[in-house]
C-alpha atoms as a PDB file:
ATOM      1  CA  MET A   1     -15.775   9.084 -92.767  1.00  0.00           C
ATOM      2  CA  ASN A   2     -14.787  12.721 -92.575  1.00  0.00           C
ATOM      3  CA  PHE A   3     -17.622  15.097 -93.444  1.00  0.00           C
ATOM      4  CA  VAL A   4     -16.532  18.664 -94.228  1.00  0.00           C
ATOM      5  CA  PHE A   5     -19.066  21.501 -94.261  1.00  0.00           C
ATOM      6  CA  ASP A   6     -18.731  25.060 -95.470  1.00  0.00           C
ATOM      7  CA  LEU A   7     -20.857  27.450 -93.400  1.00  0.00           C
ATOM      8  CA  ASP A   8     -22.340  30.511 -95.117  1.00  0.00           C
ATOM      9  CA  GLY A   9     -24.692  29.592 -97.931  1.00  0.00           C
ATOM     10  CA  THR A  10     -24.190  25.883 -97.242  1.00  0.00           C
ATOM     11  CA  ILE A  11     -25.546  25.150 -93.764  1.00  0.00           C
ATOM     12  CA  CYS A  12     -26.191  28.669 -92.438  1.00  0.00           C
ATOM     13  CA  PHE A  13     -27.937  31.489 -94.216  1.00  0.00           C
ATOM     14  CA  LYS A  14     -28.145  35.298 -94.089  1.00  0.00           C
ATOM     15  CA  GLY A  15     -25.711  35.444 -91.190  1.00  0.00           C
ATOM     16  CA  GLN A  16     -27.985  33.427 -88.916  1.00  0.00           C
ATOM     17  CA  PRO A  17     -26.768  30.465 -86.807  1.00  0.00           C
ATOM     18  CA  VAL A  18     -26.959  26.959 -88.215  1.00  0.00           C
ATOM     19  CA  SER A  19     -30.473  25.670 -87.565  1.00  0.00           C
ATOM     20  CA  ASP A  20     -31.186  22.910 -85.062  1.00  0.00           C
ATOM     21  CA  LYS A  21     -32.556  20.801 -87.933  1.00  0.00           C
ATOM     22  CA  ILE A  22     -29.126  20.693 -89.533  1.00  0.00           C
ATOM     23  CA  LEU A  23     -27.173  20.565 -86.271  1.00  0.00           C
ATOM     24  CA  ASP A  24     -29.182  17.561 -85.112  1.00  0.00           C
ATOM     25  CA  ALA A  25     -28.294  15.765 -88.352  1.00  0.00           C
ATOM     26  CA  LEU A  26     -24.627  16.618 -87.769  1.00  0.00           C
ATOM     27  CA  ALA A  27     -24.845  15.357 -84.193  1.00  0.00           C
ATOM     28  CA  GLU A  28     -26.155  12.058 -85.545  1.00  0.00           C
ATOM     29  CA  LEU A  29     -23.062  11.817 -87.747  1.00  0.00           C
ATOM     30  CA  THR A  30     -20.753  12.126 -84.752  1.00  0.00           C
ATOM     31  CA  GLU A  31     -22.827   9.628 -82.758  1.00  0.00           C
ATOM     32  CA  LYS A  32     -22.295   7.116 -85.570  1.00  0.00           C
ATOM     33  CA  GLY A  33     -18.530   7.630 -85.487  1.00  0.00           C
ATOM     34  CA  HIS A  34     -18.131  10.063 -88.379  1.00  0.00           C
ATOM     35  CA  GLN A  35     -15.868  13.101 -88.042  1.00  0.00           C
ATOM     36  CA  VAL A  36     -17.621  16.454 -88.637  1.00  0.00           C
ATOM     37  CA  ILE A  37     -15.349  19.310 -89.729  1.00  0.00           C
ATOM     38  CA  PHE A  38     -16.377  22.882 -90.518  1.00  0.00           C
ATOM     39  CA  ALA A  39     -14.437  24.835 -93.168  1.00  0.00           C
ATOM     40  CA  SER A  40     -15.288  28.488 -93.701  1.00  0.00           C
ATOM     41  CA  ALA A  41     -14.030  31.762 -95.089  1.00  0.00           C
ATOM     42  CA  ARG A  42     -14.798  33.166 -91.641  1.00  0.00           C
ATOM     43  CA  PRO A  43     -11.976  33.320 -89.100  1.00  0.00           C
ATOM     44  CA  ILE A  44     -12.397  30.987 -86.130  1.00  0.00           C
ATOM     45  CA  ARG A  45     -13.829  33.711 -83.866  1.00  0.00           C
ATOM     46  CA  ASP A  46     -16.674  34.331 -86.339  1.00  0.00           C
ATOM     47  CA  MET A  47     -17.434  30.635 -86.824  1.00  0.00           C
ATOM     48  CA  LEU A  48     -18.246  30.102 -83.146  1.00  0.00           C
ATOM     49  CA  PRO A  49     -21.368  32.330 -82.973  1.00  0.00           C
ATOM     50  CA  VAL A  50     -23.157  30.412 -85.746  1.00  0.00           C
ATOM     51  CA  LEU A  51     -22.421  26.988 -84.238  1.00  0.00           C
ATOM     52  CA  ARG A  52     -24.081  25.480 -81.190  1.00  0.00           C
ATOM     53  CA  GLY A  53     -21.767  25.168 -78.210  1.00  0.00           C
ATOM     54  CA  ASP A  54     -21.436  21.397 -78.472  1.00  0.00           C
ATOM     55  CA  PHE A  55     -19.707  21.875 -81.855  1.00  0.00           C
ATOM     56  CA  HIS A  56     -17.133  24.457 -80.725  1.00  0.00           C
ATOM     57  CA  ARG A  57     -14.567  21.773 -79.907  1.00  0.00           C
ATOM     58  CA  HIS A  58     -14.870  20.125 -83.310  1.00  0.00           C
ATOM     59  CA  VAL A  59     -12.174  20.715 -85.912  1.00  0.00           C
ATOM     60  CA  LEU A  60     -12.784  24.186 -87.368  1.00  0.00           C
ATOM     61  CA  ILE A  61     -10.981  25.403 -90.488  1.00  0.00           C
ATOM     62  CA  GLY A  62     -11.164  29.181 -90.743  1.00  0.00           C
ATOM     63  CA  GLY A  63      -9.950  31.901 -93.078  1.00  0.00           C
ATOM     64  CA  ASN A  64     -10.313  29.608 -96.114  1.00  0.00           C
ATOM     65  CA  GLY A  65      -7.654  27.303 -94.696  1.00  0.00           C
ATOM     66  CA  SER A  66      -5.318  29.701 -92.919  1.00  0.00           C
ATOM     67  CA  LEU A  67      -6.520  28.751 -89.416  1.00  0.00           C
ATOM     68  CA  ILE A  68      -7.274  25.406 -87.784  1.00  0.00           C
ATOM     69  CA  SER A  69      -8.863  24.998 -84.362  1.00  0.00           C
ATOM     70  CA  ASP A  70      -9.243  21.707 -82.525  1.00  0.00           C
ATOM     71  CA  ARG A  71     -10.837  21.165 -79.121  1.00  0.00           C
ATOM     72  CA  GLY A  72     -11.258  24.915 -78.706  1.00  0.00           C
ATOM     73  CA  GLU A  73      -7.637  25.871 -79.424  1.00  0.00           C
ATOM     74  CA  ILE A  74      -6.013  27.262 -82.574  1.00  0.00           C
ATOM     75  CA  VAL A  75      -3.475  24.580 -83.499  1.00  0.00           C
ATOM     76  CA  HIS A  76      -2.352  25.867 -86.902  1.00  0.00           C
ATOM     77  CA  SER A  77      -1.972  29.311 -88.452  1.00  0.00           C
ATOM     78  CA  ALA A  78      -0.648  30.179 -91.931  1.00  0.00           C
ATOM     79  CA  ALA A  79       0.201  33.845 -92.319  1.00  0.00           C
ATOM     80  CA  PHE A  80       1.424  36.049 -95.148  1.00  0.00           C
ATOM     81  CA  SER A  81       5.166  36.548 -95.188  1.00  0.00           C
ATOM     82  CA  PRO A  82       6.311  40.067 -94.195  1.00  0.00           C
ATOM     83  CA  GLU A  83       7.375  40.663 -97.801  1.00  0.00           C
ATOM     84  CA  GLU A  84       3.987  39.603 -99.174  1.00  0.00           C
ATOM     85  CA  PHE A  85       2.118  41.770 -96.731  1.00  0.00           C
ATOM     86  CA  ILE A  86       4.243  44.831 -97.519  1.00  0.00           C
ATOM     87  CA  GLU A  87       3.285  44.421-101.182  1.00  0.00           C
ATOM     88  CA  ILE A  88      -0.394  43.959-100.311  1.00  0.00           C
ATOM     89  CA  THR A  89      -0.466  47.107 -98.187  1.00  0.00           C
ATOM     90  CA  ARG A  90       1.293  49.010-100.948  1.00  0.00           C
ATOM     91  CA  LEU A  91      -1.469  48.000-103.365  1.00  0.00           C
ATOM     92  CA  ILE A  92      -4.110  48.886-100.771  1.00  0.00           C
ATOM     93  CA  ASP A  93      -2.677  52.413-100.660  1.00  0.00           C
ATOM     94  CA  GLU A  94      -2.319  52.665-104.433  1.00  0.00           C
ATOM     95  CA  PHE A  95      -5.924  51.644-105.088  1.00  0.00           C
ATOM     96  CA  GLU A  96      -7.326  53.565-102.094  1.00  0.00           C
ATOM     97  CA  ALA A  97      -8.836  50.340-100.827  1.00  0.00           C
ATOM     98  CA  THR A  98     -10.710  49.705 -97.604  1.00  0.00           C
ATOM     99  CA  PHE A  99     -10.365  46.365 -95.861  1.00  0.00           C
ATOM    100  CA  LEU A 100     -11.088  43.809 -93.191  1.00  0.00           C
ATOM    101  CA  ILE A 101      -7.780  42.200 -92.228  1.00  0.00           C
ATOM    102  CA  ASP A 102      -7.602  39.277 -89.798  1.00  0.00           C
ATOM    103  CA  GLY A 103      -4.874  38.141 -87.486  1.00  0.00           C
ATOM    104  CA  ASP A 104      -5.169  34.846 -85.642  1.00  0.00           C
ATOM    105  CA  TRP A 105      -7.938  36.383 -83.501  1.00  0.00           C
ATOM    106  CA  ASP A 106      -8.138  40.190 -83.606  1.00  0.00           C
ATOM    107  CA  TYR A 107      -8.796  42.269 -86.725  1.00  0.00           C
ATOM    108  CA  ALA A 108      -8.333  45.652 -88.404  1.00  0.00           C
ATOM    109  CA  TYR A 109     -11.161  47.334 -90.309  1.00  0.00           C
ATOM    110  CA  THR A 110     -11.308  50.491 -92.440  1.00  0.00           C
ATOM    111  CA  GLY A 111     -14.437  49.803 -94.496  1.00  0.00           C
ATOM    112  CA  PRO A 112     -17.729  51.677 -94.519  1.00  0.00           C
ATOM    113  CA  ALA A 113     -19.629  51.789 -91.239  1.00  0.00           C
ATOM    114  CA  ASP A 114     -22.688  50.353 -92.974  1.00  0.00           C
ATOM    115  CA  HIS A 115     -20.975  47.601 -94.971  1.00  0.00           C
ATOM    116  CA  PRO A 116     -23.104  44.407 -94.817  1.00  0.00           C
ATOM    117  CA  ILE A 117     -20.079  42.293 -93.905  1.00  0.00           C
ATOM    118  CA  LEU A 118     -20.018  43.916 -90.469  1.00  0.00           C
ATOM    119  CA  GLN A 119     -23.015  41.867 -89.354  1.00  0.00           C
ATOM    120  CA  ASN A 120     -20.766  38.792 -89.470  1.00  0.00           C
ATOM    121  CA  VAL A 121     -17.637  40.356 -87.947  1.00  0.00           C
ATOM    122  CA  ASP A 122     -17.134  39.351 -84.308  1.00  0.00           C
ATOM    123  CA  PRO A 123     -20.853  39.386 -83.430  1.00  0.00           C
ATOM    124  CA  ALA A 124     -20.125  37.721 -80.084  1.00  0.00           C
ATOM    125  CA  LYS A 125     -17.492  40.362 -79.195  1.00  0.00           C
ATOM    126  CA  LEU A 126     -14.790  37.753 -78.703  1.00  0.00           C
ATOM    127  CA  ALA A 127     -11.962  39.808 -80.237  1.00  0.00           C
ATOM    128  CA  GLU A 128     -10.758  43.388 -80.565  1.00  0.00           C
ATOM    129  CA  ARG A 129     -10.695  45.783 -83.502  1.00  0.00           C
ATOM    130  CA  VAL A 130      -7.114  47.048 -83.558  1.00  0.00           C
ATOM    131  CA  ALA A 131      -4.761  49.157 -85.647  1.00  0.00           C
ATOM    132  CA  LEU A 132      -3.315  47.210 -88.557  1.00  0.00           C
ATOM    133  CA  ASP A 133       0.288  47.642 -87.437  1.00  0.00           C
ATOM    134  CA  THR A 134      -0.491  45.956 -84.105  1.00  0.00           C
ATOM    135  CA  LEU A 135      -1.431  42.601 -85.664  1.00  0.00           C
ATOM    136  CA  ALA A 136       1.448  40.214 -85.014  1.00  0.00           C
ATOM    137  CA  SER A 137       0.566  38.182 -88.115  1.00  0.00           C
ATOM    138  CA  VAL A 138      -1.999  38.443 -90.906  1.00  0.00           C
ATOM    139  CA  VAL A 139      -3.832  35.352 -92.175  1.00  0.00           C
ATOM    140  CA  LYS A 140      -6.548  36.833 -94.368  1.00  0.00           C
ATOM    141  CA  VAL A 141      -7.318  40.064 -96.225  1.00  0.00           C
ATOM    142  CA  LEU A 142     -10.722  41.143 -97.514  1.00  0.00           C
ATOM    143  CA  ILE A 143     -10.728  44.156 -99.823  1.00  0.00           C
ATOM    144  CA  LEU A 144     -14.141  45.766 -99.474  1.00  0.00           C
ATOM    145  CA  THR A 145     -13.921  48.840-101.702  1.00  0.00           C
ATOM    146  CA  SER A 146     -11.328  50.241-104.087  1.00  0.00           C
ATOM    147  CA  ARG A 147     -11.145  52.535-107.077  1.00  0.00           C
ATOM    148  CA  ASP A 148     -10.760  49.548-109.441  1.00  0.00           C
ATOM    149  CA  HIS A 149     -11.455  46.032-108.126  1.00  0.00           C
ATOM    150  CA  GLY A 150     -10.644  44.368-111.442  1.00  0.00           C
ATOM    151  CA  GLN A 151      -7.211  45.901-111.820  1.00  0.00           C
ATOM    152  CA  LEU A 152      -6.451  45.441-108.133  1.00  0.00           C
ATOM    153  CA  ALA A 153      -7.352  41.735-108.356  1.00  0.00           C
ATOM    154  CA  GLU A 154      -5.000  41.358-111.335  1.00  0.00           C
ATOM    155  CA  ARG A 155      -2.136  43.058-109.508  1.00  0.00           C
ATOM    156  CA  LEU A 156      -2.719  40.950-106.388  1.00  0.00           C
ATOM    157  CA  THR A 157      -2.624  37.763-108.457  1.00  0.00           C
ATOM    158  CA  GLN A 158       0.804  38.784-109.712  1.00  0.00           C
ATOM    159  CA  LEU A 159       2.020  38.603-106.103  1.00  0.00           C
ATOM    160  CA  ASP A 160       1.379  34.831-106.198  1.00  0.00           C
ATOM    161  CA  VAL A 161      -1.190  34.930-103.390  1.00  0.00           C
ATOM    162  CA  TYR A 162      -4.579  33.213-103.534  1.00  0.00           C
ATOM    163  CA  VAL A 163      -7.287  35.676-104.658  1.00  0.00           C
ATOM    164  CA  ASN A 164     -10.957  34.726-104.643  1.00  0.00           C
ATOM    165  CA  ARG A 165     -13.459  37.264-105.929  1.00  0.00           C
ATOM    166  CA  HIS A 166     -16.914  37.001-104.393  1.00  0.00           C
ATOM    167  CA  GLY A 167     -19.026  38.463-107.165  1.00  0.00           C
ATOM    168  CA  ASN A 168     -22.230  38.611-105.164  1.00  0.00           C
ATOM    169  CA  GLU A 169     -20.510  40.552-102.380  1.00  0.00           C
ATOM    170  CA  GLU A 170     -18.064  42.551-104.534  1.00  0.00           C
ATOM    171  CA  VAL A 171     -15.136  41.787-102.241  1.00  0.00           C
ATOM    172  CA  LEU A 172     -11.655  40.402-102.905  1.00  0.00           C
ATOM    173  CA  ASP A 173     -10.719  37.568-100.545  1.00  0.00           C
ATOM    174  CA  ILE A 174      -6.947  37.091-100.260  1.00  0.00           C
ATOM    175  CA  SER A 175      -5.118  34.216 -98.578  1.00  0.00           C
ATOM    176  CA  PRO A 176      -1.413  33.296 -98.452  1.00  0.00           C
ATOM    177  CA  LYS A 177       0.058  31.306-101.331  1.00  0.00           C
ATOM    178  CA  GLY A 178      -0.996  27.669-101.312  1.00  0.00           C
ATOM    179  CA  ILE A 179      -3.586  28.204 -98.592  1.00  0.00           C
ATOM    180  CA  HIS A 180      -7.115  26.994 -99.206  1.00  0.00           C
ATOM    181  CA  LYS A 181      -9.538  24.518 -97.681  1.00  0.00           C
ATOM    182  CA  TRP A 182      -7.892  21.477 -99.249  1.00  0.00           C
ATOM    183  CA  SER A 183      -4.451  22.529 -97.974  1.00  0.00           C
ATOM    184  CA  ALA A 184      -5.889  22.696 -94.448  1.00  0.00           C
ATOM    185  CA  LEU A 185      -7.432  19.235 -94.798  1.00  0.00           C
ATOM    186  CA  LYS A 186      -4.045  17.883 -95.872  1.00  0.00           C
ATOM    187  CA  THR A 187      -2.467  19.533 -92.826  1.00  0.00           C
ATOM    188  CA  LEU A 188      -4.939  17.546 -90.735  1.00  0.00           C
ATOM    189  CA  GLY A 189      -3.674  14.342 -92.311  1.00  0.00           C
ATOM    190  CA  ILE A 190      -6.758  13.787 -94.471  1.00  0.00           C
ATOM    191  CA  GLU A 191      -5.991  12.165 -97.797  1.00  0.00           C
ATOM    192  CA  LYS A 192      -7.493  12.743-101.222  1.00  0.00           C
ATOM    193  CA  GLU A 193     -10.966  11.142-101.393  1.00  0.00           C
ATOM    194  CA  GLY A 194     -10.866  10.695 -97.636  1.00  0.00           C
ATOM    195  CA  TYR A 195     -13.832  12.962 -96.991  1.00  0.00           C
ATOM    196  CA  VAL A 196     -17.271  14.091 -98.143  1.00  0.00           C
ATOM    197  CA  ALA A 197     -17.669  17.821 -98.862  1.00  0.00           C
ATOM    198  CA  PHE A 198     -20.686  20.124 -98.712  1.00  0.00           C
ATOM    199  CA  GLY A 199     -20.220  23.622-100.194  1.00  0.00           C
ATOM    200  CA  ASN A 200     -21.716  26.391-102.286  1.00  0.00           C
ATOM    201  CA  ASP A 201     -19.098  28.825-103.607  1.00  0.00           C
ATOM    202  CA  ALA A 202     -15.801  29.273-105.449  1.00  0.00           C
ATOM    203  CA  ASN A 203     -13.762  28.980-102.261  1.00  0.00           C
ATOM    204  CA  ASP A 204     -14.981  25.372-102.012  1.00  0.00           C
ATOM    205  CA  ILE A 205     -13.467  24.376-105.370  1.00  0.00           C
ATOM    206  CA  THR A 206     -10.226  22.854-104.035  1.00  0.00           C
ATOM    207  CA  MET A 207     -12.211  21.017-101.368  1.00  0.00           C
ATOM    208  CA  PHE A 208     -14.569  19.585-104.007  1.00  0.00           C
ATOM    209  CA  GLU A 209     -11.729  18.632-106.354  1.00  0.00           C
ATOM    210  CA  ASN A 210     -10.276  16.220-103.817  1.00  0.00           C
ATOM    211  CA  ALA A 211     -13.383  14.797-102.107  1.00  0.00           C
ATOM    212  CA  VAL A 212     -14.785  11.308-102.556  1.00  0.00           C
ATOM    213  CA  HIS A 213     -18.299  12.759-102.740  1.00  0.00           C
ATOM    214  CA  THR A 214     -19.557  16.339-103.121  1.00  0.00           C
ATOM    215  CA  VAL A 215     -22.872  18.047-102.441  1.00  0.00           C
ATOM    216  CA  MET A 216     -23.467  21.567-103.748  1.00  0.00           C
ATOM    217  CA  ILE A 217     -26.049  23.729-101.995  1.00  0.00           C
ATOM    218  CA  GLY A 218     -27.817  26.001-104.460  1.00  0.00           C
ATOM    219  CA  HIS A 219     -25.933  26.619-107.699  1.00  0.00           C
ATOM    220  CA  HIS A 220     -22.525  28.067-108.509  1.00  0.00           C
ATOM    221  CA  ASP A 221     -21.243  27.948-112.091  1.00  0.00           C
ATOM    222  CA  GLN A 222     -17.625  27.146-111.164  1.00  0.00           C
ATOM    223  CA  LEU A 223     -18.500  24.610-108.493  1.00  0.00           C
ATOM    224  CA  ALA A 224     -21.247  22.788-110.381  1.00  0.00           C
ATOM    225  CA  PRO A 225     -18.936  20.664-112.620  1.00  0.00           C
ATOM    226  CA  LEU A 226     -17.343  19.236-109.454  1.00  0.00           C
ATOM    227  CA  ALA A 227     -20.606  18.442-107.650  1.00  0.00           C
ATOM    228  CA  LYS A 228     -21.833  14.856-107.556  1.00  0.00           C
ATOM    229  CA  GLU A 229     -25.253  16.076-106.475  1.00  0.00           C
ATOM    230  CA  SER A 230     -26.953  19.265-105.314  1.00  0.00           C
ATOM    231  CA  VAL A 231     -29.664  20.525-102.997  1.00  0.00           C
ATOM    232  CA  ILE A 232     -31.746  23.396-104.320  1.00  0.00           C
ATOM    233  CA  GLY A 233     -34.866  24.948-102.881  1.00  0.00           C
ATOM    234  CA  GLU A 234     -36.422  27.634-100.757  1.00  0.00           C
ATOM    235  CA  GLY A 235     -38.595  27.389 -97.665  1.00  0.00           C
ATOM    236  CA  GLU A 236     -37.722  23.833 -96.677  1.00  0.00           C
ATOM    237  CA  LEU A 237     -34.066  24.086 -97.762  1.00  0.00           C
ATOM    238  CA  GLU A 238     -32.682  23.432 -94.291  1.00  0.00           C
ATOM    239  CA  GLN A 239     -34.856  20.335 -93.922  1.00  0.00           C
ATOM    240  CA  LYS A 240     -33.676  19.124 -97.343  1.00  0.00           C
ATOM    241  CA  ILE A 241     -30.047  19.643 -96.308  1.00  0.00           C
ATOM    242  CA  ALA A 242     -30.563  17.703 -93.068  1.00  0.00           C
ATOM    243  CA  GLU A 243     -32.133  14.853 -95.018  1.00  0.00           C
ATOM    244  CA  LYS A 244     -29.292  14.876 -97.543  1.00  0.00           C
ATOM    245  CA  ILE A 245     -26.696  14.698 -94.753  1.00  0.00           C
ATOM    246  CA  ARG A 246     -28.391  11.597 -93.367  1.00  0.00           C
ATOM    247  CA  GLU A 247     -28.769  10.067 -96.825  1.00  0.00           C
ATOM    248  CA  VAL A 248     -25.123  10.550 -97.764  1.00  0.00           C
ATOM    249  CA  ALA A 249     -23.954   9.244 -94.388  1.00  0.00           C
ATOM    250  CA  GLU A 250     -25.754   5.953 -95.022  1.00  0.00           C
ATOM    251  CA  GLY A 251     -23.411   5.276 -97.936  1.00  0.00           C
ATOM    252  CA  HIS A 252     -20.122   5.883 -96.159  1.00  0.00           C
ATOM    253  CA  SER A 253     -18.085   4.190 -93.462  1.00  0.00           C
ATOM    254  CA  SER A 254     -17.242   5.922 -90.184  1.00  0.00           C
ATOM    255  CA  ALA A 255     -13.545   4.985 -90.622  1.00  0.00           C
ATOM    256  CA  ASP A 256     -10.715   7.253 -91.828  1.00  0.00           C
ATOM    257  CA  ARG A 257     -10.616   9.731 -88.987  1.00  0.00           C
ATOM    258  CA  PRO A 258      -8.119  12.613 -89.409  1.00  0.00           C
ATOM    259  CA  VAL A 259      -4.852  12.933 -87.553  1.00  0.00           C
ATOM    260  CA  ILE A 260      -4.641  16.395 -85.970  1.00  0.00           C
ATOM    261  CA  VAL A 261      -1.189  17.925 -86.480  1.00  0.00           C
END
């Protein structure tokens, strides 16, 4: 079976690497023939520092579905069209917005020097911070500050791009039209109900909608109706997650491996 795991808030917390307790449970999955896939809002470069080295060659879905890495190489990238990005930058100027904008690997940043998101941006110094106009393609836009987030989100939605508002972080997360975690799983050849999903936030909704089984970590109002079960707790949360991974694996076959495109 394919097991798909979000990262932040699901199996790693407060920007720290995934614990050995959870990673050992994931390693057991692979030893039993299951396919472990990671699917995150982070770009690929920022997924690597929170995963142990033996997981770097697994299938990694980054940028909420805009990037796919397999065996250490980016094999798929979905970027905004030039026309879409011109409109996005026009709105950025109109609303005096600051941003973190990702290409396939490098990034452009104009946000505050003390913004909390910076602790998760290229912590391993694998990429370069560059001028926006030097990015060959753009796969993800995070609006960090603006003079009116609500109105900006409404205007962005009119562009027919995917806009996810992270209320707890007060950022707008923008991906190209039709790009989300489920679209990336389909690109990999994974069929509806062909995987188990673990997640915690609104950007996991499409992934939960099409999974055979879903486990929500913590509680999210939009995600909760799609969760078959949940893991909630402090202190021993990581141990509970590791135990839940093993428990769910017992009920699923190791067949249905994805075809990497």
